[in-house]
Amino acid sequence: MSWQSAMYNLIYRRGKPRWDTGMIPPALVALVEGAQALRRGRAIDLGCGTGTHALYLAQHGWAVTGIDFSSVAIRDARRNAGNTPNVTFIEGDATKVSERQVAGRFDLALDIGCFHGIPTSRRDAYAEQLARVAAVGATFLLWSIDNDRLTWVPGAPSANEHEIRRRFEPRFKILSTQPGDMLG
């Protein structure tokens, strides 16, 4: 276990972390339920935490894999899932997805608050692993802190638009970026 996963385990053990709001971002709702909704398929939720977004997708007909390196978060996600069909939670590092036996390709990849917590030395590995599991034409939604200062995770500065483009444009076509709060 890395010191980062131990730190997140401690945070989850102490209660509901501040990022575990239980809210679904309107942009995700629009893609799942809106007039221009994506066709249901396979989704991966990177840094899924206690499973809020993965469960939302599964309840709307998606086959979902959630991955998080906090064993406590994964335990809680599995408990929250109960008998919800088509959702699997895996304890693992989002920068090593293919090592966790995540098979096949995903039509939707979701990252709500994972990327900006990854140390800069592992961010290219994250983008590479995501490219390996994304289907051709997949949609990737990324919510990341961009405040030009360090996040509270040592070695993991926030991720501004320039960094996101630098890390992902070689592998993905970026259709849009927009500032806002996590739910906007």
N, C-alpha and C. Protein backbone atom coordinates (compact mmCIF):
# COMPACT_ATOMS: atom_id res chain seq x y z
N MET A 1 0.84 -1.18 0.00
CA MET A 1 0.00 0.00 0.00
C MET A 1 0.89 1.24 0.00
N SER A 2 0.56 2.19 -0.87
CA SER A 2 1.32 3.43 -0.93
C SER A 2 0.90 4.36 0.21
N TRP A 3 1.72 5.36 0.48
CA TRP A 3 1.36 6.32 1.51
C TRP A 3 0.13 7.11 1.09
N GLN A 4 -0.05 7.32 -0.25
CA GLN A 4 -1.23 8.05 -0.70
C GLN A 4 -2.51 7.27 -0.42
N SER A 5 -2.52 5.96 -0.74
CA SER A 5 -3.73 5.18 -0.48
C SER A 5 -3.98 5.07 1.02
N ALA A 6 -2.91 4.99 1.82
CA ALA A 6 -3.07 4.96 3.28
C ALA A 6 -3.69 6.27 3.77
N MET A 7 -3.26 7.39 3.18
CA MET A 7 -3.81 8.70 3.55
C MET A 7 -5.30 8.76 3.21
N TYR A 8 -5.67 8.31 2.01
CA TYR A 8 -7.09 8.33 1.62
C TYR A 8 -7.90 7.36 2.48
N ASN A 9 -7.34 6.21 2.82
CA ASN A 9 -8.04 5.28 3.71
C ASN A 9 -8.36 5.96 5.04
N LEU A 10 -7.39 6.68 5.58
CA LEU A 10 -7.60 7.39 6.84
C LEU A 10 -8.71 8.43 6.69
N ILE A 11 -8.70 9.17 5.61
CA ILE A 11 -9.73 10.19 5.39
C ILE A 11 -11.11 9.55 5.31
N TYR A 12 -11.23 8.45 4.56
CA TYR A 12 -12.53 7.79 4.44
C TYR A 12 -12.96 7.16 5.78
N ARG A 13 -12.02 6.67 6.56
CA ARG A 13 -12.37 6.09 7.86
C ARG A 13 -12.92 7.14 8.83
N ARG A 14 -12.44 8.37 8.69
CA ARG A 14 -12.87 9.44 9.60
C ARG A 14 -14.28 9.95 9.29
N GLY A 15 -14.85 9.51 8.19
CA GLY A 15 -16.19 9.97 7.84
C GLY A 15 -16.26 10.38 6.39
N LYS A 16 -17.30 11.04 6.04
CA LYS A 16 -17.54 11.43 4.65
C LYS A 16 -16.59 12.56 4.24
N PRO A 17 -15.70 12.32 3.28
CA PRO A 17 -14.78 13.37 2.83
C PRO A 17 -15.55 14.52 2.16
N ARG A 18 -14.96 15.69 2.15
CA ARG A 18 -15.64 16.87 1.61
C ARG A 18 -15.99 16.72 0.14
N TRP A 19 -15.26 15.89 -0.60
CA TRP A 19 -15.54 15.72 -2.03
C TRP A 19 -16.64 14.69 -2.29
N ASP A 20 -17.02 13.95 -1.28
CA ASP A 20 -18.04 12.91 -1.43
C ASP A 20 -19.42 13.53 -1.17
N THR A 21 -19.88 14.36 -2.13
CA THR A 21 -21.08 15.17 -1.93
C THR A 21 -22.37 14.42 -2.22
N GLY A 22 -22.30 13.33 -2.95
CA GLY A 22 -23.51 12.62 -3.34
C GLY A 22 -24.23 13.28 -4.50
N MET A 23 -23.67 14.35 -5.05
CA MET A 23 -24.30 15.08 -6.15
C MET A 23 -23.75 14.60 -7.49
N ILE A 24 -24.63 14.61 -8.47
CA ILE A 24 -24.24 14.25 -9.83
C ILE A 24 -24.09 15.55 -10.63
N PRO A 25 -22.94 15.80 -11.25
CA PRO A 25 -22.76 17.03 -12.01
C PRO A 25 -23.77 17.14 -13.15
N PRO A 26 -24.34 18.33 -13.36
CA PRO A 26 -25.32 18.52 -14.44
C PRO A 26 -24.80 18.09 -15.82
N ALA A 27 -23.52 18.27 -16.08
CA ALA A 27 -22.97 17.87 -17.37
C ALA A 27 -23.07 16.35 -17.56
N LEU A 28 -22.89 15.58 -16.49
CA LEU A 28 -23.03 14.13 -16.58
C LEU A 28 -24.49 13.76 -16.76
N VAL A 29 -25.38 14.42 -16.02
CA VAL A 29 -26.82 14.15 -16.17
C VAL A 29 -27.25 14.42 -17.62
N ALA A 30 -26.76 15.51 -18.20
CA ALA A 30 -27.12 15.83 -19.58
C ALA A 30 -26.65 14.74 -20.54
N LEU A 31 -25.45 14.22 -20.33
CA LEU A 31 -24.95 13.16 -21.21
C LEU A 31 -25.70 11.84 -21.04
N VAL A 32 -26.24 11.61 -19.87
CA VAL A 32 -26.91 10.35 -19.59
C VAL A 32 -28.42 10.43 -19.84
N GLU A 33 -29.03 11.56 -19.50
CA GLU A 33 -30.48 11.68 -19.57
C GLU A 33 -30.99 12.73 -20.54
N GLY A 34 -30.12 13.59 -21.03
CA GLY A 34 -30.54 14.72 -21.86
C GLY A 34 -30.99 14.34 -23.26
N ALA A 35 -31.43 15.34 -23.98
CA ALA A 35 -31.93 15.16 -25.35
C ALA A 35 -30.86 14.57 -26.27
N GLN A 36 -29.62 14.89 -26.01
CA GLN A 36 -28.50 14.38 -26.82
C GLN A 36 -27.72 13.32 -26.06
N ALA A 37 -28.41 12.51 -25.27
CA ALA A 37 -27.77 11.52 -24.40
C ALA A 37 -26.92 10.54 -25.19
N LEU A 38 -25.84 10.12 -24.58
CA LEU A 38 -24.99 9.10 -25.16
C LEU A 38 -25.73 7.76 -25.20
N ARG A 39 -25.41 6.96 -26.18
CA ARG A 39 -25.93 5.60 -26.21
C ARG A 39 -25.30 4.83 -25.06
N ARG A 40 -26.10 4.09 -24.31
CA ARG A 40 -25.57 3.33 -23.18
C ARG A 40 -24.54 2.31 -23.65
N GLY A 41 -23.56 2.10 -22.80
CA GLY A 41 -22.51 1.14 -23.11
C GLY A 41 -21.74 0.83 -21.84
N ARG A 42 -20.42 0.76 -21.99
CA ARG A 42 -19.54 0.48 -20.85
C ARG A 42 -18.90 1.77 -20.38
N ALA A 43 -18.82 1.92 -19.06
CA ALA A 43 -18.21 3.12 -18.48
C ALA A 43 -17.20 2.72 -17.42
N ILE A 44 -16.19 3.57 -17.26
CA ILE A 44 -15.22 3.40 -16.18
C ILE A 44 -15.19 4.70 -15.39
N ASP A 45 -15.23 4.58 -14.08
CA ASP A 45 -15.16 5.72 -13.18
C ASP A 45 -13.82 5.65 -12.45
N LEU A 46 -12.91 6.52 -12.84
CA LEU A 46 -11.55 6.53 -12.31
C LEU A 46 -11.51 7.37 -11.03
N GLY A 47 -11.07 6.76 -9.94
CA GLY A 47 -11.11 7.44 -8.65
C GLY A 47 -12.55 7.52 -8.17
N CYS A 48 -13.24 6.39 -8.22
CA CYS A 48 -14.70 6.34 -7.98
C CYS A 48 -15.12 6.62 -6.56
N GLY A 49 -14.20 6.60 -5.60
CA GLY A 49 -14.58 6.85 -4.21
C GLY A 49 -15.63 5.86 -3.75
N THR A 50 -16.69 6.36 -3.14
CA THR A 50 -17.73 5.51 -2.59
C THR A 50 -18.79 5.12 -3.62
N GLY A 51 -18.56 5.45 -4.89
CA GLY A 51 -19.38 4.92 -5.96
C GLY A 51 -20.56 5.75 -6.42
N THR A 52 -20.71 6.97 -5.96
CA THR A 52 -21.87 7.79 -6.31
C THR A 52 -22.11 7.85 -7.81
N HIS A 53 -21.09 8.20 -8.58
CA HIS A 53 -21.26 8.40 -10.02
C HIS A 53 -21.37 7.07 -10.76
N ALA A 54 -20.62 6.08 -10.33
CA ALA A 54 -20.72 4.75 -10.95
C ALA A 54 -22.12 4.18 -10.75
N LEU A 55 -22.66 4.34 -9.56
CA LEU A 55 -24.01 3.83 -9.29
C LEU A 55 -25.06 4.59 -10.10
N TYR A 56 -24.90 5.88 -10.23
CA TYR A 56 -25.81 6.67 -11.07
C TYR A 56 -25.82 6.11 -12.50
N LEU A 57 -24.64 5.87 -13.04
CA LEU A 57 -24.55 5.34 -14.41
C LEU A 57 -25.19 3.96 -14.50
N ALA A 58 -24.89 3.08 -13.54
CA ALA A 58 -25.46 1.73 -13.56
C ALA A 58 -26.99 1.78 -13.48
N GLN A 59 -27.51 2.68 -12.69
CA GLN A 59 -28.97 2.81 -12.56
C GLN A 59 -29.62 3.35 -13.83
N HIS A 60 -28.80 3.87 -14.73
CA HIS A 60 -29.30 4.37 -16.01
C HIS A 60 -28.87 3.47 -17.18
N GLY A 61 -28.57 2.22 -16.87
CA GLY A 61 -28.36 1.23 -17.91
C GLY A 61 -26.95 1.02 -18.39
N TRP A 62 -25.99 1.66 -17.79
CA TRP A 62 -24.59 1.47 -18.18
C TRP A 62 -23.99 0.28 -17.44
N ALA A 63 -23.05 -0.40 -18.06
CA ALA A 63 -22.22 -1.42 -17.39
C ALA A 63 -20.99 -0.66 -16.90
N VAL A 64 -20.77 -0.61 -15.60
CA VAL A 64 -19.78 0.30 -15.02
C VAL A 64 -18.73 -0.43 -14.20
N THR A 65 -17.49 0.00 -14.36
CA THR A 65 -16.39 -0.42 -13.51
C THR A 65 -15.88 0.82 -12.79
N GLY A 66 -15.87 0.76 -11.47
CA GLY A 66 -15.30 1.84 -10.67
C GLY A 66 -13.98 1.38 -10.11
N ILE A 67 -12.98 2.25 -10.15
CA ILE A 67 -11.66 1.90 -9.62
C ILE A 67 -11.19 3.02 -8.69
N ASP A 68 -10.64 2.61 -7.55
CA ASP A 68 -10.11 3.57 -6.58
C ASP A 68 -9.03 2.85 -5.78
N PHE A 69 -7.99 3.56 -5.38
CA PHE A 69 -6.94 2.88 -4.63
C PHE A 69 -7.16 2.90 -3.13
N SER A 70 -8.28 3.45 -2.69
CA SER A 70 -8.61 3.38 -1.27
C SER A 70 -9.47 2.14 -1.01
N SER A 71 -8.95 1.22 -0.25
CA SER A 71 -9.72 0.01 0.06
C SER A 71 -10.96 0.35 0.87
N VAL A 72 -10.89 1.40 1.68
CA VAL A 72 -12.05 1.81 2.47
C VAL A 72 -13.13 2.37 1.56
N ALA A 73 -12.75 3.21 0.59
CA ALA A 73 -13.73 3.75 -0.36
C ALA A 73 -14.37 2.63 -1.17
N ILE A 74 -13.58 1.66 -1.61
CA ILE A 74 -14.12 0.54 -2.39
C ILE A 74 -15.06 -0.30 -1.54
N ARG A 75 -14.69 -0.53 -0.30
CA ARG A 75 -15.59 -1.26 0.60
C ARG A 75 -16.94 -0.55 0.72
N ASP A 76 -16.89 0.78 0.89
CA ASP A 76 -18.11 1.56 1.02
C ASP A 76 -18.89 1.58 -0.30
N ALA A 77 -18.19 1.64 -1.42
CA ALA A 77 -18.86 1.61 -2.73
C ALA A 77 -19.61 0.30 -2.92
N ARG A 78 -18.97 -0.79 -2.57
CA ARG A 78 -19.63 -2.10 -2.69
C ARG A 78 -20.85 -2.18 -1.77
N ARG A 79 -20.72 -1.63 -0.59
CA ARG A 79 -21.86 -1.61 0.34
C ARG A 79 -22.98 -0.74 -0.23
N ASN A 80 -22.63 0.42 -0.77
CA ASN A 80 -23.63 1.31 -1.36
C ASN A 80 -24.32 0.68 -2.56
N ALA A 81 -23.58 -0.16 -3.29
CA ALA A 81 -24.14 -0.79 -4.50
C ALA A 81 -25.20 -1.83 -4.15
N GLY A 82 -25.05 -2.48 -3.02
CA GLY A 82 -26.01 -3.53 -2.66
C GLY A 82 -26.16 -4.52 -3.81
N ASN A 83 -27.36 -4.66 -4.32
CA ASN A 83 -27.64 -5.59 -5.42
C ASN A 83 -27.76 -4.88 -6.77
N THR A 84 -27.23 -3.66 -6.88
CA THR A 84 -27.31 -2.94 -8.15
C THR A 84 -26.60 -3.75 -9.23
N PRO A 85 -27.32 -4.06 -10.32
CA PRO A 85 -26.67 -4.83 -11.39
C PRO A 85 -25.71 -3.98 -12.22
N ASN A 86 -24.82 -4.66 -12.91
CA ASN A 86 -23.93 -4.05 -13.90
C ASN A 86 -22.94 -3.04 -13.34
N VAL A 87 -22.54 -3.19 -12.08
CA VAL A 87 -21.52 -2.32 -11.53
C VAL A 87 -20.52 -3.18 -10.75
N THR A 88 -19.23 -2.91 -11.00
CA THR A 88 -18.14 -3.63 -10.35
C THR A 88 -17.18 -2.60 -9.78
N PHE A 89 -16.72 -2.84 -8.57
CA PHE A 89 -15.74 -1.94 -7.96
C PHE A 89 -14.44 -2.69 -7.74
N ILE A 90 -13.34 -2.07 -8.18
CA ILE A 90 -12.02 -2.67 -8.11
C ILE A 90 -11.09 -1.76 -7.33
N GLU A 91 -10.37 -2.35 -6.38
CA GLU A 91 -9.34 -1.59 -5.68
C GLU A 91 -8.10 -1.58 -6.56
N GLY A 92 -7.65 -0.39 -6.91
CA GLY A 92 -6.47 -0.29 -7.76
C GLY A 92 -6.12 1.15 -8.06
N ASP A 93 -4.98 1.31 -8.67
CA ASP A 93 -4.40 2.60 -9.00
C ASP A 93 -4.86 2.99 -10.41
N ALA A 94 -5.43 4.18 -10.56
CA ALA A 94 -5.91 4.65 -11.86
C ALA A 94 -4.78 4.81 -12.88
N THR A 95 -3.54 4.87 -12.42
CA THR A 95 -2.41 4.97 -13.36
C THR A 95 -1.92 3.59 -13.80
N LYS A 96 -2.59 2.54 -13.30
CA LYS A 96 -2.20 1.16 -13.62
C LYS A 96 -3.45 0.32 -13.91
N VAL A 97 -4.41 0.91 -14.61
CA VAL A 97 -5.69 0.26 -14.86
C VAL A 97 -5.53 -1.11 -15.51
N SER A 98 -4.68 -1.21 -16.52
CA SER A 98 -4.56 -2.49 -17.22
C SER A 98 -3.96 -3.58 -16.34
N GLU A 99 -3.21 -3.21 -15.31
CA GLU A 99 -2.66 -4.20 -14.38
C GLU A 99 -3.73 -4.77 -13.44
N ARG A 100 -4.87 -4.10 -13.34
CA ARG A 100 -5.95 -4.54 -12.46
C ARG A 100 -6.96 -5.41 -13.21
N GLN A 101 -6.56 -5.91 -14.34
CA GLN A 101 -7.39 -6.81 -15.14
C GLN A 101 -8.72 -6.16 -15.54
N VAL A 102 -8.65 -4.89 -15.88
CA VAL A 102 -9.80 -4.19 -16.43
C VAL A 102 -9.79 -4.49 -17.91
N ALA A 103 -10.70 -5.35 -18.34
CA ALA A 103 -10.69 -5.84 -19.71
C ALA A 103 -11.67 -5.06 -20.59
N GLY A 104 -11.39 -5.10 -21.86
CA GLY A 104 -12.29 -4.50 -22.83
C GLY A 104 -12.11 -3.02 -22.97
N ARG A 105 -13.01 -2.44 -23.72
CA ARG A 105 -12.96 -1.00 -24.01
C ARG A 105 -14.18 -0.31 -23.42
N PHE A 106 -14.00 0.94 -23.03
CA PHE A 106 -15.07 1.71 -22.40
C PHE A 106 -15.52 2.85 -23.32
N ASP A 107 -16.84 3.04 -23.38
CA ASP A 107 -17.43 4.09 -24.21
C ASP A 107 -17.44 5.43 -23.49
N LEU A 108 -17.40 5.37 -22.16
CA LEU A 108 -17.41 6.58 -21.34
C LEU A 108 -16.40 6.40 -20.22
N ALA A 109 -15.54 7.39 -20.06
CA ALA A 109 -14.60 7.42 -18.93
C ALA A 109 -14.92 8.67 -18.12
N LEU A 110 -14.95 8.50 -16.83
CA LEU A 110 -15.33 9.57 -15.93
C LEU A 110 -14.27 9.75 -14.86
N ASP A 111 -13.87 10.99 -14.66
CA ASP A 111 -12.91 11.33 -13.61
C ASP A 111 -13.42 12.59 -12.93
N ILE A 112 -14.00 12.41 -11.76
CA ILE A 112 -14.46 13.57 -11.01
C ILE A 112 -13.56 13.71 -9.79
N GLY A 113 -12.45 14.42 -9.99
CA GLY A 113 -11.56 14.71 -8.88
C GLY A 113 -10.43 13.74 -8.64
N CYS A 114 -10.08 12.93 -9.61
CA CYS A 114 -8.96 11.99 -9.43
C CYS A 114 -7.66 12.57 -9.99
N PHE A 115 -7.69 13.04 -11.23
CA PHE A 115 -6.48 13.45 -11.94
C PHE A 115 -5.64 14.47 -11.15
N HIS A 116 -6.27 15.48 -10.59
CA HIS A 116 -5.49 16.51 -9.90
C HIS A 116 -4.84 16.01 -8.61
N GLY A 117 -5.24 14.84 -8.12
CA GLY A 117 -4.61 14.26 -6.94
C GLY A 117 -3.47 13.31 -7.25
N ILE A 118 -3.24 13.08 -8.54
CA ILE A 118 -2.17 12.18 -8.96
C ILE A 118 -0.86 12.95 -9.03
N PRO A 119 0.21 12.43 -8.45
CA PRO A 119 1.50 13.12 -8.55
C PRO A 119 1.88 13.34 -10.02
N THR A 120 2.52 14.46 -10.30
CA THR A 120 2.86 14.80 -11.69
C THR A 120 3.69 13.70 -12.35
N SER A 121 4.49 13.00 -11.59
CA SER A 121 5.33 11.94 -12.17
C SER A 121 4.50 10.76 -12.68
N ARG A 122 3.23 10.65 -12.30
CA ARG A 122 2.38 9.52 -12.72
C ARG A 122 1.28 9.95 -13.69
N ARG A 123 1.19 11.23 -14.02
CA ARG A 123 0.08 11.71 -14.85
C ARG A 123 0.15 11.23 -16.30
N ASP A 124 1.34 11.10 -16.86
CA ASP A 124 1.43 10.55 -18.22
C ASP A 124 0.98 9.09 -18.22
N ALA A 125 1.32 8.34 -17.18
CA ALA A 125 0.89 6.94 -17.07
C ALA A 125 -0.63 6.87 -17.00
N TYR A 126 -1.25 7.80 -16.30
CA TYR A 126 -2.71 7.85 -16.20
C TYR A 126 -3.31 8.03 -17.60
N ALA A 127 -2.81 9.03 -18.34
CA ALA A 127 -3.34 9.30 -19.69
C ALA A 127 -3.12 8.11 -20.61
N GLU A 128 -1.97 7.47 -20.50
CA GLU A 128 -1.66 6.29 -21.32
C GLU A 128 -2.60 5.13 -20.99
N GLN A 129 -2.83 4.89 -19.70
CA GLN A 129 -3.72 3.80 -19.28
C GLN A 129 -5.16 4.08 -19.73
N LEU A 130 -5.59 5.31 -19.62
CA LEU A 130 -6.93 5.68 -20.08
C LEU A 130 -7.06 5.43 -21.58
N ALA A 131 -6.05 5.80 -22.34
CA ALA A 131 -6.08 5.58 -23.80
C ALA A 131 -6.17 4.08 -24.12
N ARG A 132 -5.54 3.25 -23.32
CA ARG A 132 -5.58 1.80 -23.54
C ARG A 132 -6.97 1.21 -23.38
N VAL A 133 -7.76 1.76 -22.45
CA VAL A 133 -9.07 1.17 -22.16
C VAL A 133 -10.23 1.91 -22.83
N ALA A 134 -9.96 3.05 -23.44
CA ALA A 134 -11.02 3.82 -24.09
C ALA A 134 -11.31 3.25 -25.48
N ALA A 135 -12.59 3.09 -25.78
CA ALA A 135 -13.00 2.66 -27.12
C ALA A 135 -12.77 3.81 -28.10
N VAL A 136 -12.68 3.48 -29.37
CA VAL A 136 -12.59 4.52 -30.40
C VAL A 136 -13.86 5.37 -30.29
N GLY A 137 -13.68 6.68 -30.23
CA GLY A 137 -14.83 7.58 -30.12
C GLY A 137 -15.39 7.72 -28.72
N ALA A 138 -14.70 7.19 -27.71
CA ALA A 138 -15.18 7.27 -26.33
C ALA A 138 -15.26 8.73 -25.87
N THR A 139 -16.12 8.96 -24.91
CA THR A 139 -16.24 10.26 -24.26
C THR A 139 -15.52 10.19 -22.92
N PHE A 140 -14.72 11.20 -22.64
CA PHE A 140 -14.00 11.29 -21.36
C PHE A 140 -14.39 12.60 -20.70
N LEU A 141 -14.98 12.51 -19.53
CA LEU A 141 -15.34 13.70 -18.74
C LEU A 141 -14.37 13.82 -17.59
N LEU A 142 -13.74 14.97 -17.47
CA LEU A 142 -12.74 15.22 -16.44
C LEU A 142 -13.09 16.49 -15.68
N TRP A 143 -13.23 16.37 -14.36
CA TRP A 143 -13.39 17.52 -13.48
C TRP A 143 -12.12 17.58 -12.66
N SER A 144 -11.43 18.72 -12.70
CA SER A 144 -10.14 18.83 -12.03
C SER A 144 -9.98 20.19 -11.40
N ILE A 145 -9.29 20.24 -10.28
CA ILE A 145 -8.98 21.51 -9.64
C ILE A 145 -7.96 22.25 -10.49
N ASP A 146 -8.24 23.51 -10.77
CA ASP A 146 -7.34 24.39 -11.50
C ASP A 146 -7.34 25.72 -10.78
N ASN A 147 -6.45 25.84 -9.83
CA ASN A 147 -6.39 27.10 -9.09
C ASN A 147 -4.96 27.63 -8.97
N ASP A 148 -4.09 27.15 -9.85
CA ASP A 148 -2.71 27.63 -9.91
C ASP A 148 -1.95 27.53 -8.59
N ARG A 149 -2.32 26.57 -7.78
CA ARG A 149 -1.54 26.31 -6.58
C ARG A 149 -1.61 24.81 -6.30
N LEU A 150 -0.82 24.38 -5.37
CA LEU A 150 -0.80 22.96 -5.05
C LEU A 150 -2.10 22.51 -4.42
N THR A 151 -2.50 21.29 -4.77
CA THR A 151 -3.61 20.68 -4.03
C THR A 151 -3.04 20.26 -2.69
N TRP A 152 -3.85 19.67 -1.85
CA TRP A 152 -3.38 19.25 -0.53
C TRP A 152 -2.61 17.94 -0.59
N VAL A 153 -2.49 17.33 -1.79
CA VAL A 153 -1.73 16.09 -1.93
C VAL A 153 -0.30 16.44 -2.31
N PRO A 154 0.69 16.10 -1.49
CA PRO A 154 2.08 16.42 -1.82
C PRO A 154 2.48 15.85 -3.18
N GLY A 155 3.15 16.70 -3.99
CA GLY A 155 3.62 16.26 -5.30
C GLY A 155 2.56 16.28 -6.38
N ALA A 156 1.36 16.78 -6.04
CA ALA A 156 0.27 16.79 -7.01
C ALA A 156 -0.31 18.21 -7.13
N PRO A 157 0.29 19.04 -7.99
CA PRO A 157 -0.27 20.37 -8.18
C PRO A 157 -1.61 20.28 -8.91
N SER A 158 -2.41 21.32 -8.79
CA SER A 158 -3.67 21.32 -9.52
C SER A 158 -3.38 21.20 -11.02
N ALA A 159 -4.39 20.89 -11.78
CA ALA A 159 -4.20 20.63 -13.20
C ALA A 159 -4.91 21.68 -14.03
N ASN A 160 -4.15 22.61 -14.57
CA ASN A 160 -4.77 23.66 -15.38
C ASN A 160 -5.01 23.17 -16.81
N GLU A 161 -5.68 23.99 -17.60
CA GLU A 161 -6.04 23.60 -18.97
C GLU A 161 -4.80 23.27 -19.80
N HIS A 162 -3.73 24.05 -19.64
CA HIS A 162 -2.50 23.78 -20.39
C HIS A 162 -1.98 22.37 -20.10
N GLU A 163 -1.93 22.01 -18.82
CA GLU A 163 -1.43 20.67 -18.50
C GLU A 163 -2.36 19.59 -19.03
N ILE A 164 -3.66 19.78 -18.90
CA ILE A 164 -4.61 18.79 -19.40
C ILE A 164 -4.43 18.59 -20.90
N ARG A 165 -4.31 19.68 -21.64
CA ARG A 165 -4.08 19.56 -23.09
C ARG A 165 -2.76 18.85 -23.38
N ARG A 166 -1.71 19.21 -22.66
CA ARG A 166 -0.40 18.60 -22.88
C ARG A 166 -0.43 17.10 -22.62
N ARG A 167 -1.13 16.68 -21.60
CA ARG A 167 -1.16 15.25 -21.24
C ARG A 167 -2.13 14.44 -22.10
N PHE A 168 -3.25 15.04 -22.50
CA PHE A 168 -4.29 14.25 -23.16
C PHE A 168 -4.39 14.44 -24.68
N GLU A 169 -4.01 15.61 -25.21
CA GLU A 169 -4.17 15.83 -26.66
C GLU A 169 -3.39 14.85 -27.53
N PRO A 170 -2.26 14.34 -27.11
CA PRO A 170 -1.62 13.35 -27.97
C PRO A 170 -2.46 12.07 -28.14
N ARG A 171 -3.38 11.83 -27.22
CA ARG A 171 -4.15 10.59 -27.23
C ARG A 171 -5.64 10.79 -27.48
N PHE A 172 -6.15 12.00 -27.22
CA PHE A 172 -7.57 12.29 -27.32
C PHE A 172 -7.81 13.60 -28.05
N LYS A 173 -8.98 13.72 -28.65
CA LYS A 173 -9.41 14.99 -29.23
C LYS A 173 -10.21 15.73 -28.16
N ILE A 174 -9.72 16.88 -27.74
CA ILE A 174 -10.41 17.65 -26.71
C ILE A 174 -11.43 18.53 -27.39
N LEU A 175 -12.69 18.30 -27.06
CA LEU A 175 -13.77 19.06 -27.68
C LEU A 175 -14.03 20.38 -26.97
N SER A 176 -13.88 20.39 -25.65
CA SER A 176 -14.09 21.65 -24.94
C SER A 176 -13.50 21.56 -23.54
N THR A 177 -13.19 22.73 -23.02
CA THR A 177 -12.83 22.87 -21.62
C THR A 177 -13.62 24.06 -21.12
N GLN A 178 -13.95 24.06 -19.87
CA GLN A 178 -14.64 25.21 -19.32
C GLN A 178 -14.37 25.32 -17.84
N PRO A 179 -14.15 26.55 -17.38
CA PRO A 179 -13.98 26.74 -15.94
C PRO A 179 -15.34 26.64 -15.25
N GLY A 180 -15.29 26.37 -13.98
CA GLY A 180 -16.52 26.31 -13.21
C GLY A 180 -16.25 25.56 -11.93
N ASP A 181 -17.29 25.44 -11.12
CA ASP A 181 -17.13 24.63 -9.94
C ASP A 181 -17.35 23.18 -10.31
N MET A 182 -17.13 22.27 -9.37
CA MET A 182 -17.19 20.85 -9.69
C MET A 182 -18.54 20.42 -10.23
N LEU A 183 -19.58 21.09 -9.86
CA LEU A 183 -20.90 20.67 -10.28
C LEU A 183 -21.42 21.47 -11.47
N GLY A 184 -20.67 22.46 -11.91
CA GLY A 184 -21.14 23.29 -13.01
C GLY A 184 -20.65 22.87 -14.35
